[in-house]
């Protein structure tokens, strides 16, 4: 019972028969009273007949009569169950006979058809074997012709490749001679910067590329991409880049005005860099830098360098002034460079081989159609 429920005071006689009533909770007491009232009201009618012997006799007779009717109904139910069991057995027997008759009719009806189908299958199997032998003979003939033509084609291809290599070697010699003659000219330097600017835009199409070669101490180009500011110092010399240019590169990175620069590369377009290996890694003013040789022959090295810088810069808590960490990245840069060259060589060979195979397959298919007098 809720604490907010209103209660009334009630006096009961001091009788031991109701002592247990006081041990219940208020909620249980209410239920007891409700139950008692209900029983009392329903029992009034019964009390009226306590002294009526005729009523009691009538009730007794009704009870006996009801008992007899129930027993009769139970007997009828048992008889009905026996009848149902007998009917069920009879139905099962009829069902089995019907199934057997249907199965027998089915076998008699389709037996001749099954025999005919089996005969057809045997004949078709025999024909299939004959066609298979003919196909194998035809395939062998065509394969022999294909192998012969393939061999002839390879021989012609080898001769063509040899001739093209000789011609390419001659053209390369001419180009190198012209390159040596023109390397020291001022015009060449300007063209090299324009070429580098175009290549940077091609390599990083979504980046901001600024030509800064006229801005003192800002390198030749600034590339802004993925929240990374990347300086490119470009050298287009006929000889290796000297130490004085490396020192100038260092001084530019140390300038306070270049604090926005996060990484940088010193590249030589056609030569090496004095005292530095290709793709050599260093740290200057807590900024990762790389030295790249002969960039003109492989501009993708610049893209590879940017990805390497991005990997380092994204490690927010890294201390590049730590010699062990710097050494680790230096070794990693050398490994990346070697693997990149190896992968590029494999990809170039794969592309060449696949192209050659596709052309050969097309030629073989055309020849096959011609042999079979079909239109391709």
Foldseek 3Di string as FASTA:
>chain_A
DDPPDDDDDDDDDPDPVCPVLVVDDPVVNVVVVVVVVVCVVVCVVVVVCPPPVVVVVVVVVVVVVVVVVVVVVVVVVVVVVVVVVVVVVVVVVVVVVVVVVVVVVVCVVCVVVVVVVVVVVVVVVVVVVVVVVVVVVVVVVLVVVLVVVVVVVVVVVVVVVVVVVVVVVVVVVVVVVVCLVPQPDPVVVVVVLVVVQVVVCVLCVPWDKDQCPVPPLQAGIWIADPQATEHEHEARHPEAAEPVVVVSVLVSCVDPVCPSHQEYEYEYQQAHHPPDDAQAWDAHPQHIYGYHYNCVVPVCVVVVVVVLRVVVVVPPPDRCVPPVVVVVSRVVSVVVVVVVVVVVVVVVVVVVVVVVVVVSVVVSVVVVCVVVVHDD
